[in-house]
Amino acid sequence: MRSMAAWVMGQDNHSEEFHQTLRRLVDDPAPLVRWNAALALARFSDAEGEPQLRAMLQPFALTAPQSGTVKFRLKEEDVVQSGGIVARLSSADGANPVDVVSPMAGEVARLAAKDSGQIGAGDTIAVIRPGDTQVFEALRALVLIGRLETLPEVERFAAGAPGMSERVRVQAFLTAQAIRQRVTEMKRMK
């Protein structure tokens, strides 16, 4: 619900109430809420969410919400949708198993635990590589607020990152150009 609210608030970049609420949501415990808030803040020309936009370009470590026995539903290189089940955790008595879901669409880059093995609360279960759409949207937002320190990550996609589409490569190229231009203009203004 908070994730959808963050997205909707980004559609009206003139509301100061929405702007301030989004600044709080960029620190939400749920990654998808933080990411939608960061995308929306970019529409306000607010760079507060830039660290989250950079995080959207990185693999995500999916952690166990509790300890237990992990049973994977997916394997490495499988595609996963946002909200898709990656694994199930069962307690020692087998009661109340918990599904571990990916907060983002992407691909399982690595399983970090042994199937049917024990895992502790907070331990990494799997690493999810971000999907094409997530990377594209983060790059679009970075056109508006990206800083010089973001440039190496953007250029990695402009060079043609494995598994990414041509549209991502082109958007990364345009994003890098926009960041360089903004930095040059800021230097001229000083």
C-alpha atoms as a PDB file:
ATOM      1  CA  MET A   1       0.000   0.000   0.000  1.00  0.00           C
ATOM      2  CA  ARG A   2       2.828   2.422   0.924  1.00  0.00           C
ATOM      3  CA  SER A   3       4.629   1.543  -2.292  1.00  0.00           C
ATOM      4  CA  MET A   4       1.601   2.439  -4.401  1.00  0.00           C
ATOM      5  CA  ALA A   5       1.055   5.616  -2.376  1.00  0.00           C
ATOM      6  CA  ALA A   6       4.659   6.700  -3.048  1.00  0.00           C
ATOM      7  CA  TRP A   7       4.181   6.109  -6.760  1.00  0.00           C
ATOM      8  CA  VAL A   8       0.892   8.050  -6.836  1.00  0.00           C
ATOM      9  CA  MET A   9       2.361  10.997  -4.906  1.00  0.00           C
ATOM     10  CA  GLY A  10       5.071  11.258  -7.552  1.00  0.00           C
ATOM     11  CA  GLN A  11       2.425  12.004 -10.161  1.00  0.00           C
ATOM     12  CA  ASP A  12       1.782  15.428  -8.595  1.00  0.00           C
ATOM     13  CA  ASN A  13       5.159  17.101  -8.219  1.00  0.00           C
ATOM     14  CA  HIS A  14       3.591  20.397  -7.131  1.00  0.00           C
ATOM     15  CA  SER A  15       2.207  19.238  -3.773  1.00  0.00           C
ATOM     16  CA  GLU A  16       4.499  20.187  -0.893  1.00  0.00           C
ATOM     17  CA  GLU A  17       2.600  17.756   1.368  1.00  0.00           C
ATOM     18  CA  PHE A  18       3.412  14.892  -1.030  1.00  0.00           C
ATOM     19  CA  HIS A  19       7.006  16.092  -1.282  1.00  0.00           C
ATOM     20  CA  GLN A  20       7.522  15.995   2.493  1.00  0.00           C
ATOM     21  CA  THR A  21       5.801  12.614   2.830  1.00  0.00           C
ATOM     22  CA  LEU A  22       8.044  11.171   0.100  1.00  0.00           C
ATOM     23  CA  ARG A  23      11.120  12.450   1.947  1.00  0.00           C
ATOM     24  CA  ARG A  24      10.034  10.304   4.907  1.00  0.00           C
ATOM     25  CA  LEU A  25       9.166   7.288   2.759  1.00  0.00           C
ATOM     26  CA  VAL A  26      12.647   7.219   1.214  1.00  0.00           C
ATOM     27  CA  ASP A  27      13.757   5.733   4.590  1.00  0.00           C
ATOM     28  CA  ASP A  28      10.947   3.143   4.775  1.00  0.00           C
ATOM     29  CA  PRO A  29      11.927  -0.389   5.862  1.00  0.00           C
ATOM     30  CA  ALA A  30      10.481  -1.880   2.639  1.00  0.00           C
ATOM     31  CA  PRO A  31      12.828  -1.582  -0.371  1.00  0.00           C
ATOM     32  CA  LEU A  32      10.038  -1.135  -2.921  1.00  0.00           C
ATOM     33  CA  VAL A  33       8.577   1.759  -0.911  1.00  0.00           C
ATOM     34  CA  ARG A  34      12.014   3.422  -0.698  1.00  0.00           C
ATOM     35  CA  TRP A  35      12.587   2.962  -4.415  1.00  0.00           C
ATOM     36  CA  ASN A  36       9.184   4.334  -5.446  1.00  0.00           C
ATOM     37  CA  ALA A  37       9.699   7.291  -3.102  1.00  0.00           C
ATOM     38  CA  ALA A  38      13.130   7.958  -4.645  1.00  0.00           C
ATOM     39  CA  LEU A  39      11.695   7.830  -8.172  1.00  0.00           C
ATOM     40  CA  ALA A  40       8.935  10.223  -7.117  1.00  0.00           C
ATOM     41  CA  LEU A  41      11.354  12.612  -5.383  1.00  0.00           C
ATOM     42  CA  ALA A  42      13.310  12.943  -8.624  1.00  0.00           C
ATOM     43  CA  ARG A  43      10.174  14.454 -10.177  1.00  0.00           C
ATOM     44  CA  PHE A  44      10.394  17.133  -7.478  1.00  0.00           C
ATOM     45  CA  SER A  45      14.060  17.683  -8.493  1.00  0.00           C
ATOM     46  CA  ASP A  46      14.937  16.489  -4.982  1.00  0.00           C
ATOM     47  CA  ALA A  47      18.166  14.462  -4.750  1.00  0.00           C
ATOM     48  CA  GLU A  48      17.283  13.062  -1.299  1.00  0.00           C
ATOM     49  CA  GLY A  49      16.462   9.716  -2.913  1.00  0.00           C
ATOM     50  CA  GLU A  50      19.613   9.419  -5.033  1.00  0.00           C
ATOM     51  CA  PRO A  51      21.220   6.749  -2.787  1.00  0.00           C
ATOM     52  CA  GLN A  52      18.106   4.623  -3.292  1.00  0.00           C
ATOM     53  CA  LEU A  53      18.261   5.153  -7.071  1.00  0.00           C
ATOM     54  CA  ARG A  54      21.859   3.918  -7.012  1.00  0.00           C
ATOM     55  CA  ALA A  55      20.711   0.932  -4.926  1.00  0.00           C
ATOM     56  CA  MET A  56      18.164   0.119  -7.644  1.00  0.00           C
ATOM     57  CA  LEU A  57      21.088  -0.416 -10.029  1.00  0.00           C
ATOM     58  CA  GLN A  58      22.750  -2.957  -7.711  1.00  0.00           C
ATOM     59  CA  PRO A  59      22.046  -6.600  -6.895  1.00  0.00           C
ATOM     60  CA  PHE A  60      19.797  -6.966  -3.841  1.00  0.00           C
ATOM     61  CA  ALA A  61      20.652  -9.266  -0.917  1.00  0.00           C
ATOM     62  CA  LEU A  62      17.455 -11.081   0.066  1.00  0.00           C
ATOM     63  CA  THR A  63      17.612 -11.925   3.775  1.00  0.00           C
ATOM     64  CA  ALA A  64      15.808 -14.370   6.029  1.00  0.00           C
ATOM     65  CA  PRO A  65      13.090 -12.772   8.176  1.00  0.00           C
ATOM     66  CA  GLN A  66      13.538 -15.574  10.737  1.00  0.00           C
ATOM     67  CA  SER A  67      15.754 -18.575  11.347  1.00  0.00           C
ATOM     68  CA  GLY A  68      14.830 -21.985  10.023  1.00  0.00           C
ATOM     69  CA  THR A  69      15.318 -24.514   7.264  1.00  0.00           C
ATOM     70  CA  VAL A  70      15.417 -22.965   3.798  1.00  0.00           C
ATOM     71  CA  LYS A  71      13.845 -24.682   0.797  1.00  0.00           C
ATOM     72  CA  PHE A  72      14.378 -22.878  -2.490  1.00  0.00           C
ATOM     73  CA  ARG A  73      11.596 -22.442  -5.036  1.00  0.00           C
ATOM     74  CA  LEU A  74      13.946 -20.974  -7.649  1.00  0.00           C
ATOM     75  CA  LYS A  75      17.471 -21.694  -8.826  1.00  0.00           C
ATOM     76  CA  GLU A  76      20.291 -19.455  -9.994  1.00  0.00           C
ATOM     77  CA  GLU A  77      19.538 -17.553 -13.220  1.00  0.00           C
ATOM     78  CA  ASP A  78      15.764 -18.008 -12.799  1.00  0.00           C
ATOM     79  CA  VAL A  79      13.658 -14.918 -13.459  1.00  0.00           C
ATOM     80  CA  VAL A  80      11.724 -13.647 -10.448  1.00  0.00           C
ATOM     81  CA  GLN A  81       8.877 -11.155 -10.364  1.00  0.00           C
ATOM     82  CA  SER A  82       8.316  -8.562  -7.672  1.00  0.00           C
ATOM     83  CA  GLY A  83       6.558 -10.435  -4.889  1.00  0.00           C
ATOM     84  CA  GLY A  84       7.674 -13.795  -6.318  1.00  0.00           C
ATOM     85  CA  ILE A  85       8.564 -16.545  -3.860  1.00  0.00           C
ATOM     86  CA  VAL A  86      12.278 -17.343  -3.830  1.00  0.00           C
ATOM     87  CA  ALA A  87      12.321 -19.696  -0.840  1.00  0.00           C
ATOM     88  CA  ARG A  88      10.289 -21.002   2.072  1.00  0.00           C
ATOM     89  CA  LEU A  89      11.560 -21.045   5.645  1.00  0.00           C
ATOM     90  CA  SER A  90      10.322 -23.653   8.084  1.00  0.00           C
ATOM     91  CA  SER A  91      10.934 -23.692  11.827  1.00  0.00           C
ATOM     92  CA  ALA A  92      12.315 -26.792  13.544  1.00  0.00           C
ATOM     93  CA  ASP A  93       8.799 -28.058  14.288  1.00  0.00           C
ATOM     94  CA  GLY A  94       7.650 -27.313  10.724  1.00  0.00           C
ATOM     95  CA  ALA A  95       4.851 -25.051  11.938  1.00  0.00           C
ATOM     96  CA  ASN A  96       4.041 -21.751  10.249  1.00  0.00           C
ATOM     97  CA  PRO A  97       6.393 -21.758   7.248  1.00  0.00           C
ATOM     98  CA  VAL A  98       7.274 -18.308   5.888  1.00  0.00           C
ATOM     99  CA  ASP A  99       7.650 -17.484   2.212  1.00  0.00           C
ATOM    100  CA  VAL A 100      10.628 -15.283   1.356  1.00  0.00           C
ATOM    101  CA  VAL A 101       9.665 -13.048  -1.561  1.00  0.00           C
ATOM    102  CA  SER A 102      11.701 -10.812  -3.810  1.00  0.00           C
ATOM    103  CA  PRO A 103      10.864  -7.114  -3.482  1.00  0.00           C
ATOM    104  CA  MET A 104      11.905  -6.594  -7.100  1.00  0.00           C
ATOM    105  CA  ALA A 105      11.668  -8.171 -10.497  1.00  0.00           C
ATOM    106  CA  GLY A 106      14.955  -9.505 -11.773  1.00  0.00           C
ATOM    107  CA  GLU A 107      17.019 -12.646 -11.874  1.00  0.00           C
ATOM    108  CA  VAL A 108      18.413 -14.879  -9.144  1.00  0.00           C
ATOM    109  CA  ALA A 109      22.120 -14.114  -9.413  1.00  0.00           C
ATOM    110  CA  ARG A 110      23.237 -16.372  -6.574  1.00  0.00           C
ATOM    111  CA  LEU A 111      21.787 -18.656  -3.920  1.00  0.00           C
ATOM    112  CA  ALA A 112      23.628 -17.834  -0.716  1.00  0.00           C
ATOM    113  CA  ALA A 113      22.460 -20.775   1.372  1.00  0.00           C
ATOM    114  CA  LYS A 114      22.305 -24.530   0.974  1.00  0.00           C
ATOM    115  CA  ASP A 115      18.925 -25.929  -0.058  1.00  0.00           C
ATOM    116  CA  SER A 116      17.342 -27.669   2.959  1.00  0.00           C
ATOM    117  CA  GLY A 117      20.026 -26.120   5.153  1.00  0.00           C
ATOM    118  CA  GLN A 118      19.681 -24.066   8.313  1.00  0.00           C
ATOM    119  CA  ILE A 119      19.785 -20.294   8.136  1.00  0.00           C
ATOM    120  CA  GLY A 120      19.662 -17.566  10.783  1.00  0.00           C
ATOM    121  CA  ALA A 121      17.413 -14.531  10.906  1.00  0.00           C
ATOM    122  CA  GLY A 122      18.986 -11.757   8.829  1.00  0.00           C
ATOM    123  CA  ASP A 123      21.270 -14.110   6.883  1.00  0.00           C
ATOM    124  CA  THR A 124      21.403 -13.666   3.117  1.00  0.00           C
ATOM    125  CA  ILE A 125      19.364 -16.292   1.304  1.00  0.00           C
ATOM    126  CA  ALA A 126      19.860 -15.159  -2.282  1.00  0.00           C
ATOM    127  CA  VAL A 127      21.135 -12.261  -4.336  1.00  0.00           C
ATOM    128  CA  ILE A 128      18.718 -10.812  -6.908  1.00  0.00           C
ATOM    129  CA  ARG A 129      20.035  -8.968  -9.955  1.00  0.00           C
ATOM    130  CA  PRO A 130      17.755  -6.024 -10.874  1.00  0.00           C
ATOM    131  CA  GLY A 131      15.519  -6.368 -13.894  1.00  0.00           C
ATOM    132  CA  ASP A 132      15.552  -4.254 -17.024  1.00  0.00           C
ATOM    133  CA  THR A 133      12.548  -2.082 -16.078  1.00  0.00           C
ATOM    134  CA  GLN A 134      13.904  -1.223 -12.629  1.00  0.00           C
ATOM    135  CA  VAL A 135      17.288  -0.206 -14.043  1.00  0.00           C
ATOM    136  CA  PHE A 136      15.634   1.824 -16.815  1.00  0.00           C
ATOM    137  CA  GLU A 137      13.429   3.753 -14.366  1.00  0.00           C
ATOM    138  CA  ALA A 138      16.340   4.471 -11.998  1.00  0.00           C
ATOM    139  CA  LEU A 139      18.408   5.761 -14.930  1.00  0.00           C
ATOM    140  CA  ARG A 140      15.528   8.006 -16.051  1.00  0.00           C
ATOM    141  CA  ALA A 141      15.312   9.518 -12.566  1.00  0.00           C
ATOM    142  CA  LEU A 142      19.085  10.003 -12.415  1.00  0.00           C
ATOM    143  CA  VAL A 143      18.829  12.176 -15.538  1.00  0.00           C
ATOM    144  CA  LEU A 144      17.143  14.723 -13.262  1.00  0.00           C
ATOM    145  CA  ILE A 145      19.225  14.432 -10.083  1.00  0.00           C
ATOM    146  CA  GLY A 146      22.260  12.209 -10.712  1.00  0.00           C
ATOM    147  CA  ARG A 147      25.565  13.430  -9.299  1.00  0.00           C
ATOM    148  CA  LEU A 148      29.121  12.940 -10.481  1.00  0.00           C
ATOM    149  CA  GLU A 149      29.752  10.067  -8.056  1.00  0.00           C
ATOM    150  CA  THR A 150      26.919   8.133  -9.745  1.00  0.00           C
ATOM    151  CA  LEU A 151      28.565   8.365 -13.154  1.00  0.00           C
ATOM    152  CA  PRO A 152      30.717   5.168 -12.964  1.00  0.00           C
ATOM    153  CA  GLU A 153      27.644   3.046 -12.230  1.00  0.00           C
ATOM    154  CA  VAL A 154      25.651   4.694 -15.027  1.00  0.00           C
ATOM    155  CA  GLU A 155      28.538   4.225 -17.459  1.00  0.00           C
ATOM    156  CA  ARG A 156      28.628   0.511 -16.629  1.00  0.00           C
ATOM    157  CA  PHE A 157      25.137   0.240 -18.099  1.00  0.00           C
ATOM    158  CA  ALA A 158      26.005   2.560 -21.007  1.00  0.00           C
ATOM    159  CA  ALA A 159      28.791   0.131 -21.939  1.00  0.00           C
ATOM    160  CA  GLY A 160      26.199  -2.648 -22.252  1.00  0.00           C
ATOM    161  CA  ALA A 161      25.724  -4.538 -18.987  1.00  0.00           C
ATOM    162  CA  PRO A 162      25.041  -8.280 -19.419  1.00  0.00           C
ATOM    163  CA  GLY A 163      21.356  -9.163 -19.478  1.00  0.00           C
ATOM    164  CA  MET A 164      20.204  -5.596 -20.074  1.00  0.00           C
ATOM    165  CA  SER A 165      18.313  -4.415 -23.132  1.00  0.00           C
ATOM    166  CA  GLU A 166      19.424  -1.904 -25.736  1.00  0.00           C
ATOM    167  CA  ARG A 167      16.899   0.570 -24.308  1.00  0.00           C
ATOM    168  CA  VAL A 168      18.740   0.442 -20.961  1.00  0.00           C
ATOM    169  CA  ARG A 169      22.083   1.003 -22.701  1.00  0.00           C
ATOM    170  CA  VAL A 170      20.699   4.027 -24.574  1.00  0.00           C
ATOM    171  CA  GLN A 171      19.060   5.442 -21.430  1.00  0.00           C
ATOM    172  CA  ALA A 172      22.323   5.017 -19.517  1.00  0.00           C
ATOM    173  CA  PHE A 173      24.177   6.899 -22.265  1.00  0.00           C
ATOM    174  CA  LEU A 174      21.629   9.745 -22.077  1.00  0.00           C
ATOM    175  CA  THR A 175      21.777   9.753 -18.279  1.00  0.00           C
ATOM    176  CA  ALA A 176      25.579   9.999 -18.303  1.00  0.00           C
ATOM    177  CA  GLN A 177      25.361  12.923 -20.749  1.00  0.00           C
ATOM    178  CA  ALA A 178      22.828  14.717 -18.542  1.00  0.00           C
ATOM    179  CA  ILE A 179      24.958  14.249 -15.412  1.00  0.00           C
ATOM    180  CA  ARG A 180      28.083  15.562 -17.157  1.00  0.00           C
ATOM    181  CA  GLN A 181      26.166  18.552 -18.523  1.00  0.00           C
ATOM    182  CA  ARG A 182      24.712  19.387 -15.092  1.00  0.00           C
ATOM    183  CA  VAL A 183      28.159  19.159 -13.461  1.00  0.00           C
ATOM    184  CA  THR A 184      29.656  21.409 -16.160  1.00  0.00           C
ATOM    185  CA  GLU A 185      26.866  23.985 -15.729  1.00  0.00           C
ATOM    186  CA  MET A 186      27.304  23.983 -11.957  1.00  0.00           C
ATOM    187  CA  LYS A 187      31.052  24.609 -12.340  1.00  0.00           C
ATOM    188  CA  ARG A 188      30.354  27.516 -14.690  1.00  0.00           C
ATOM    189  CA  MET A 189      27.931  29.049 -12.197  1.00  0.00           C
ATOM    190  CA  LYS A 190      30.566  29.093  -9.440  1.00  0.00           C
END
